[in-house]
């Protein structure tokens, strides 16, 4: 048996809101990718000297 009352579907986004949300997600992903590449490049530039520092 189904319940007598159905729960509302929750927040339903309009097409414009879905588009903006997707654009924000893509922007966040690109920014994160740039940071990863930047950290990788800095690590390559510093080279193995990073591991041989005085403690």
Protein backbone atom coordinates (compact mmCIF):
# COMPACT_ATOMS: atom_id res chain seq x y z
CA UNK A 1 0.00 0.00 0.00
CA UNK A 2 1.12 3.51 -0.76
CA UNK A 3 1.18 6.12 1.99
CA UNK A 4 -1.86 8.37 2.13
CA UNK A 5 0.23 11.50 1.74
CA UNK A 6 3.09 11.91 -0.68
CA UNK A 7 6.11 13.94 0.27
CA UNK A 8 6.91 16.93 -1.94
CA UNK A 9 9.83 16.42 -4.36
CA UNK A 10 11.97 18.97 -2.49
CA UNK A 11 13.71 21.87 -4.15
CA UNK A 12 13.19 21.88 -7.90
CA UNK A 13 15.61 24.07 -9.84
CA UNK A 14 14.64 25.95 -12.94
CA UNK A 15 16.60 25.41 -16.14
CA UNK A 16 18.43 28.73 -15.63
CA UNK A 17 19.42 27.72 -12.09
CA UNK A 18 20.63 24.32 -13.30
CA UNK A 19 22.75 26.05 -15.97
CA UNK A 20 24.31 28.44 -13.44
CA UNK A 21 24.97 25.55 -11.05
CA UNK A 22 26.72 23.60 -13.81
CA UNK A 23 28.80 26.65 -14.77
CA UNK A 24 29.84 27.11 -11.13
CA UNK A 25 30.77 23.44 -10.85
CA UNK A 26 32.89 23.66 -14.00
CA UNK A 27 34.59 26.83 -12.72
CA UNK A 28 35.42 25.13 -9.41
CA UNK A 29 36.77 22.07 -11.23
CA UNK A 30 38.96 24.24 -13.48
CA UNK A 31 40.29 26.22 -10.51
CA UNK A 32 41.09 23.00 -8.65
CA UNK A 33 42.85 21.60 -11.72
CA UNK A 34 44.94 24.77 -12.05
CA UNK A 35 45.98 24.51 -8.39
CA UNK A 36 47.00 20.87 -8.85
CA UNK A 37 49.09 21.74 -11.91
CA UNK A 38 50.63 24.71 -10.08
CA UNK A 39 51.64 22.59 -7.07
CA UNK A 40 53.04 19.93 -9.39
CA UNK A 41 55.04 22.52 -11.36
CA UNK A 42 56.45 24.09 -8.18
CA UNK A 43 57.45 20.64 -6.95
CA UNK A 44 59.26 19.93 -10.24
CA UNK A 45 61.03 23.30 -10.19
CA UNK A 46 62.23 22.84 -6.60
CA UNK A 47 63.41 19.34 -7.48
CA UNK A 48 64.79 16.77 -5.07
CA UNK A 49 66.32 19.51 -2.89
CA UNK A 50 62.96 19.65 -1.13
CA UNK A 51 63.81 16.35 0.56
CA UNK A 52 67.34 17.40 1.70
CA UNK A 53 66.71 20.28 4.04
CA UNK A 54 68.02 20.63 7.60
CA UNK A 55 65.56 19.73 10.32
